[in-house]
Amino acid sequence: MNDFTPERLHYLLTRHIIETGHAPALDALAALAGSSRAEVEAALRRLEAMHGLILVPGSTQVWSLHPFALMPTAFWVRSEGGGWWANCAWCSLGIAAAVGAGVTISTSAGAEGLALRFTVEGGAPSQRDLLMHFPEGPARWWDNPYCPCGNILFFTSAAEIDAWCVRHGRPRGAVLDIETGIKLAGLWFGDYASPDWRRKTPQQGEAIFRELGLDSTFWRMPGNFH
């Protein structure tokens, strides 16, 4: 396979999604990579095993390449260059970081309440009173890659978060103000469209959390995170 690595595949997929809004089918991806279908499928499986993407079960169709969701979600992110679904609140900020451009994010409070539409430009949000709630910490993120992620939502107040957690039986985890959320997204997703992207180690992830002064107990990375 020469230099065709999972990391190279991640780069090709990310650039294609940014440019077109969707992931290429297997034949198109093989053409982009200059590799065979078998080589590309093997690389997709390796990237999935290292939690670099999620495939539709039983297929080679890319379901999610964080921070990009490839199925409709409650988060729509748009820039002058395109539009994309995000998996969650954090991923919507991650798309802004990955594309390196100003974006408009459309969603709703708690995915059920007040419609929210705000911009992130140059790392600054147009609506500064928003909060981002993480019900689960990193130790649970890959128990099920959709449930923990899909519950990371924007809210307009701490009381709104409390009521949402009671109503839906979800734990009250960590709450970040929007500006800290943007910084976290930048540190985590800022290199996702780069050919130099590498999956973060637990140590690298925890260093990011420490840099932002986040609680080390909640934000502890599992030793098998990869």
Protein backbone atom coordinates (compact mmCIF):
# COMPACT_ATOMS: atom_id res chain seq x y z
CA MET A 1 0.00 0.00 0.00
CA ASN A 2 3.10 2.20 0.01
CA ASP A 3 2.32 5.42 1.91
CA PHE A 4 -1.46 4.89 1.89
CA THR A 5 -2.10 4.87 5.62
CA PRO A 6 -5.28 5.35 7.68
CA GLU A 7 -4.04 8.88 8.37
CA ARG A 8 -3.75 9.55 4.63
CA LEU A 9 -7.26 8.20 4.15
CA HIS A 10 -8.53 10.47 6.94
CA TYR A 11 -7.04 13.47 5.17
CA LEU A 12 -8.56 12.57 1.80
CA LEU A 13 -11.98 11.98 3.33
CA THR A 14 -11.92 15.19 5.36
CA ARG A 15 -10.92 17.33 2.41
CA HIS A 16 -13.60 15.76 0.21
CA ILE A 17 -16.29 16.32 2.86
CA ILE A 18 -15.24 19.94 3.35
CA GLU A 19 -15.29 20.57 -0.40
CA THR A 20 -18.45 18.66 -1.32
CA GLY A 21 -20.45 18.13 1.89
CA HIS A 22 -20.47 14.34 1.58
CA ALA A 23 -18.12 11.37 1.67
CA PRO A 24 -17.11 9.65 -1.58
CA ALA A 25 -18.24 6.12 -2.38
CA LEU A 26 -15.63 3.40 -2.31
CA ASP A 27 -14.76 3.55 -6.02
CA ALA A 28 -14.42 7.34 -5.94
CA LEU A 29 -12.29 7.16 -2.81
CA ALA A 30 -10.04 4.55 -4.43
CA ALA A 31 -9.59 6.87 -7.41
CA LEU A 32 -8.75 9.79 -5.11
CA ALA A 33 -6.21 7.66 -3.29
CA GLY A 34 -4.75 6.05 -6.39
CA SER A 35 -5.23 2.69 -4.70
CA SER A 36 -7.33 -0.42 -5.20
CA ARG A 37 -10.78 -0.96 -3.71
CA ALA A 38 -9.33 -3.67 -1.48
CA GLU A 39 -6.58 -1.40 -0.17
CA VAL A 40 -9.00 1.42 0.53
CA GLU A 41 -11.50 -0.87 2.25
CA ALA A 42 -8.71 -2.27 4.45
CA ALA A 43 -7.66 1.28 5.36
CA LEU A 44 -11.28 2.21 6.16
CA ARG A 45 -11.53 -0.76 8.52
CA ARG A 46 -8.28 0.20 10.23
CA LEU A 47 -9.42 3.81 10.59
CA GLU A 48 -12.70 2.60 12.06
CA ALA A 49 -10.84 0.36 14.54
CA MET A 50 -8.82 3.36 15.75
CA HIS A 51 -12.02 5.43 16.16
CA GLY A 52 -11.10 7.73 13.30
CA LEU A 53 -14.50 7.31 11.66
CA ILE A 54 -17.77 5.38 11.92
CA LEU A 55 -19.02 3.22 9.06
CA VAL A 56 -22.61 2.25 8.38
CA PRO A 57 -22.80 -1.30 9.81
CA GLY A 58 -22.08 -3.95 7.21
CA SER A 59 -20.85 -1.50 4.58
CA THR A 60 -18.00 0.81 3.60
CA GLN A 61 -20.23 3.90 3.66
CA VAL A 62 -18.90 6.56 6.02
CA TRP A 63 -21.54 7.40 8.61
CA SER A 64 -19.52 9.96 10.55
CA LEU A 65 -16.06 11.45 10.33
CA HIS A 66 -15.90 13.61 13.45
CA PRO A 67 -16.66 16.44 13.63
CA PHE A 68 -18.69 15.89 10.45
CA ALA A 69 -21.93 13.90 10.50
CA LEU A 70 -22.97 12.47 7.16
CA MET A 71 -26.61 11.97 8.08
CA PRO A 72 -29.07 14.72 9.13
CA THR A 73 -28.69 15.91 12.73
CA ALA A 74 -29.92 18.74 14.94
CA PHE A 75 -26.83 20.82 14.04
CA TRP A 76 -26.33 22.57 10.71
CA VAL A 77 -23.08 24.45 10.15
CA ARG A 78 -22.64 26.76 7.18
CA SER A 79 -19.79 28.90 5.87
CA GLU A 80 -19.32 30.79 2.63
CA GLY A 81 -17.66 27.65 1.27
CA GLY A 82 -20.28 25.03 2.12
CA GLY A 83 -22.52 23.42 4.69
CA TRP A 84 -22.28 20.36 6.92
CA TRP A 85 -24.17 18.48 9.61
CA ALA A 86 -22.41 18.14 12.95
CA ASN A 87 -22.80 15.28 15.41
CA CYS A 88 -23.22 17.51 18.47
CA ALA A 89 -22.62 20.99 19.88
CA TRP A 90 -18.89 20.38 20.29
CA CYS A 91 -18.64 18.98 16.76
CA SER A 92 -20.40 22.06 15.37
CA LEU A 93 -17.65 24.19 16.91
CA GLY A 94 -15.14 21.59 15.69
CA ILE A 95 -16.27 22.09 12.10
CA ALA A 96 -15.52 25.80 12.44
CA ALA A 97 -12.04 24.88 13.66
CA ALA A 98 -11.48 22.24 10.96
CA VAL A 99 -12.55 24.40 8.02
CA GLY A 100 -10.74 27.44 9.39
CA ALA A 101 -13.49 29.85 8.46
CA GLY A 102 -16.34 31.80 9.99
CA VAL A 103 -19.51 29.73 10.28
CA THR A 104 -23.17 30.06 11.20
CA ILE A 105 -24.52 27.31 13.47
CA SER A 106 -28.25 26.51 13.48
CA THR A 107 -29.67 24.28 16.22
CA SER A 108 -31.94 24.58 19.27
CA ALA A 109 -31.50 24.68 23.03
CA GLY A 110 -31.27 21.12 24.28
CA ALA A 111 -32.26 19.98 20.75
CA GLU A 112 -35.87 20.67 21.72
CA GLY A 113 -36.37 24.26 22.80
CA LEU A 114 -35.55 27.77 21.65
CA ALA A 115 -34.15 27.95 18.13
CA LEU A 116 -30.51 29.04 18.18
CA ARG A 117 -28.65 30.60 15.30
CA PHE A 118 -25.29 32.20 15.93
CA THR A 119 -21.96 32.78 14.25
CA VAL A 120 -18.41 31.87 15.18
CA GLU A 121 -15.94 34.20 13.53
CA GLY A 122 -12.25 34.38 14.36
CA GLY A 123 -12.83 32.24 17.45
CA ALA A 124 -15.52 34.58 18.81
CA PRO A 125 -19.24 33.71 19.12
CA SER A 126 -21.98 36.18 18.30
CA GLN A 127 -24.02 34.84 21.25
CA ARG A 128 -21.82 34.82 24.33
CA ASP A 129 -24.31 33.57 26.93
CA LEU A 130 -24.55 30.03 25.54
CA LEU A 131 -23.46 26.98 27.54
CA MET A 132 -22.36 23.56 26.28
CA HIS A 133 -23.22 20.49 28.37
CA PHE A 134 -21.27 17.22 28.32
CA PRO A 135 -23.36 14.59 30.18
CA GLU A 136 -20.55 12.01 29.93
CA GLY A 137 -16.78 12.34 30.17
CA PRO A 138 -14.18 10.90 27.78
CA ALA A 139 -14.19 7.53 29.58
CA ARG A 140 -17.68 6.90 28.13
CA TRP A 141 -17.38 8.50 24.70
CA TRP A 142 -16.82 5.26 22.80
CA ASP A 143 -19.19 3.01 24.76
CA ASN A 144 -21.60 4.01 22.00
CA PRO A 145 -20.24 6.68 19.66
CA TYR A 146 -23.66 8.26 19.08
CA CYS A 147 -25.41 8.40 22.44
CA PRO A 148 -22.70 10.25 24.40
CA CYS A 149 -21.87 12.49 21.45
CA GLY A 150 -25.47 13.24 20.48
CA ASN A 151 -26.23 14.43 24.02
CA ILE A 152 -23.58 17.19 23.92
CA LEU A 153 -25.89 20.16 23.42
CA PHE A 154 -26.14 23.94 23.68
CA PHE A 155 -28.25 25.57 26.38
CA THR A 156 -29.07 29.12 27.40
CA SER A 157 -28.80 28.70 31.20
CA ALA A 158 -27.71 26.32 33.96
CA ALA A 159 -31.33 25.97 35.06
CA GLU A 160 -32.25 24.83 31.56
CA ILE A 161 -29.57 22.14 31.76
CA ASP A 162 -30.83 20.95 35.15
CA ALA A 163 -34.40 20.65 33.90
CA TRP A 164 -33.28 18.87 30.71
CA CYS A 165 -31.26 16.29 32.68
CA VAL A 166 -34.23 15.52 34.94
CA ARG A 167 -36.67 15.34 32.04
CA HIS A 168 -34.53 12.95 30.00
CA GLY A 169 -32.85 10.98 32.77
CA ARG A 170 -29.37 12.09 31.72
CA PRO A 171 -26.50 12.81 34.13
CA ARG A 172 -25.45 16.38 34.76
CA GLY A 173 -21.84 16.32 33.71
CA ALA A 174 -19.54 19.17 32.75
CA VAL A 175 -20.77 22.59 31.63
CA LEU A 176 -18.56 24.84 29.50
CA ASP A 177 -19.24 28.42 28.52
CA ILE A 178 -19.28 28.94 24.76
CA GLU A 179 -15.88 30.61 24.64
CA THR A 180 -14.19 27.71 26.45
CA GLY A 181 -16.05 25.33 24.14
CA ILE A 182 -14.63 27.13 21.11
CA LYS A 183 -11.11 26.90 22.54
CA LEU A 184 -11.56 23.19 23.25
CA ALA A 185 -12.84 22.60 19.73
CA GLY A 186 -9.89 24.48 18.26
CA LEU A 187 -7.32 22.49 20.22
CA TRP A 188 -9.05 19.19 19.48
CA PHE A 189 -10.24 19.56 15.88
CA GLY A 190 -7.99 22.29 14.49
CA ASP A 191 -5.70 19.82 12.71
CA TYR A 192 -8.41 17.49 11.41
CA ALA A 193 -8.16 18.77 7.82
CA SER A 194 -4.36 18.57 7.82
CA PRO A 195 -2.31 15.81 6.16
CA ASP A 196 -0.37 15.74 9.45
CA TRP A 197 -3.42 14.70 11.50
CA ARG A 198 -2.78 11.91 13.99
CA ARG A 199 -5.23 10.37 16.45
CA LYS A 200 -4.68 11.90 19.88
CA THR A 201 -3.22 9.79 22.64
CA PRO A 202 -4.78 9.83 26.11
CA GLN A 203 -1.85 11.93 27.29
CA GLN A 204 -2.34 14.50 24.53
CA GLY A 205 -6.06 14.70 25.25
CA GLU A 206 -5.54 15.24 28.96
CA ALA A 207 -2.93 17.90 28.25
CA ILE A 208 -5.56 19.83 26.27
CA PHE A 209 -8.04 19.57 29.15
CA ARG A 210 -5.40 20.76 31.63
CA GLU A 211 -4.53 23.71 29.40
CA LEU A 212 -8.15 24.85 29.65
CA GLY A 213 -8.34 24.23 33.40
CA LEU A 214 -10.98 21.49 33.08
CA ASP A 215 -11.68 19.13 35.99
CA SER A 216 -9.24 16.23 35.78
CA THR A 217 -11.67 13.69 37.27
CA PHE A 218 -14.46 14.24 34.75
CA TRP A 219 -12.08 14.72 31.81
CA ARG A 220 -9.85 11.71 32.48
CA MET A 221 -9.06 9.85 29.26
CA PRO A 222 -9.36 6.04 29.26
CA GLY A 223 -6.10 4.20 28.81
CA ASN A 224 -7.45 2.37 25.75
CA PHE A 225 -8.58 5.56 24.01
CA HIS A 226 -7.17 5.65 20.51
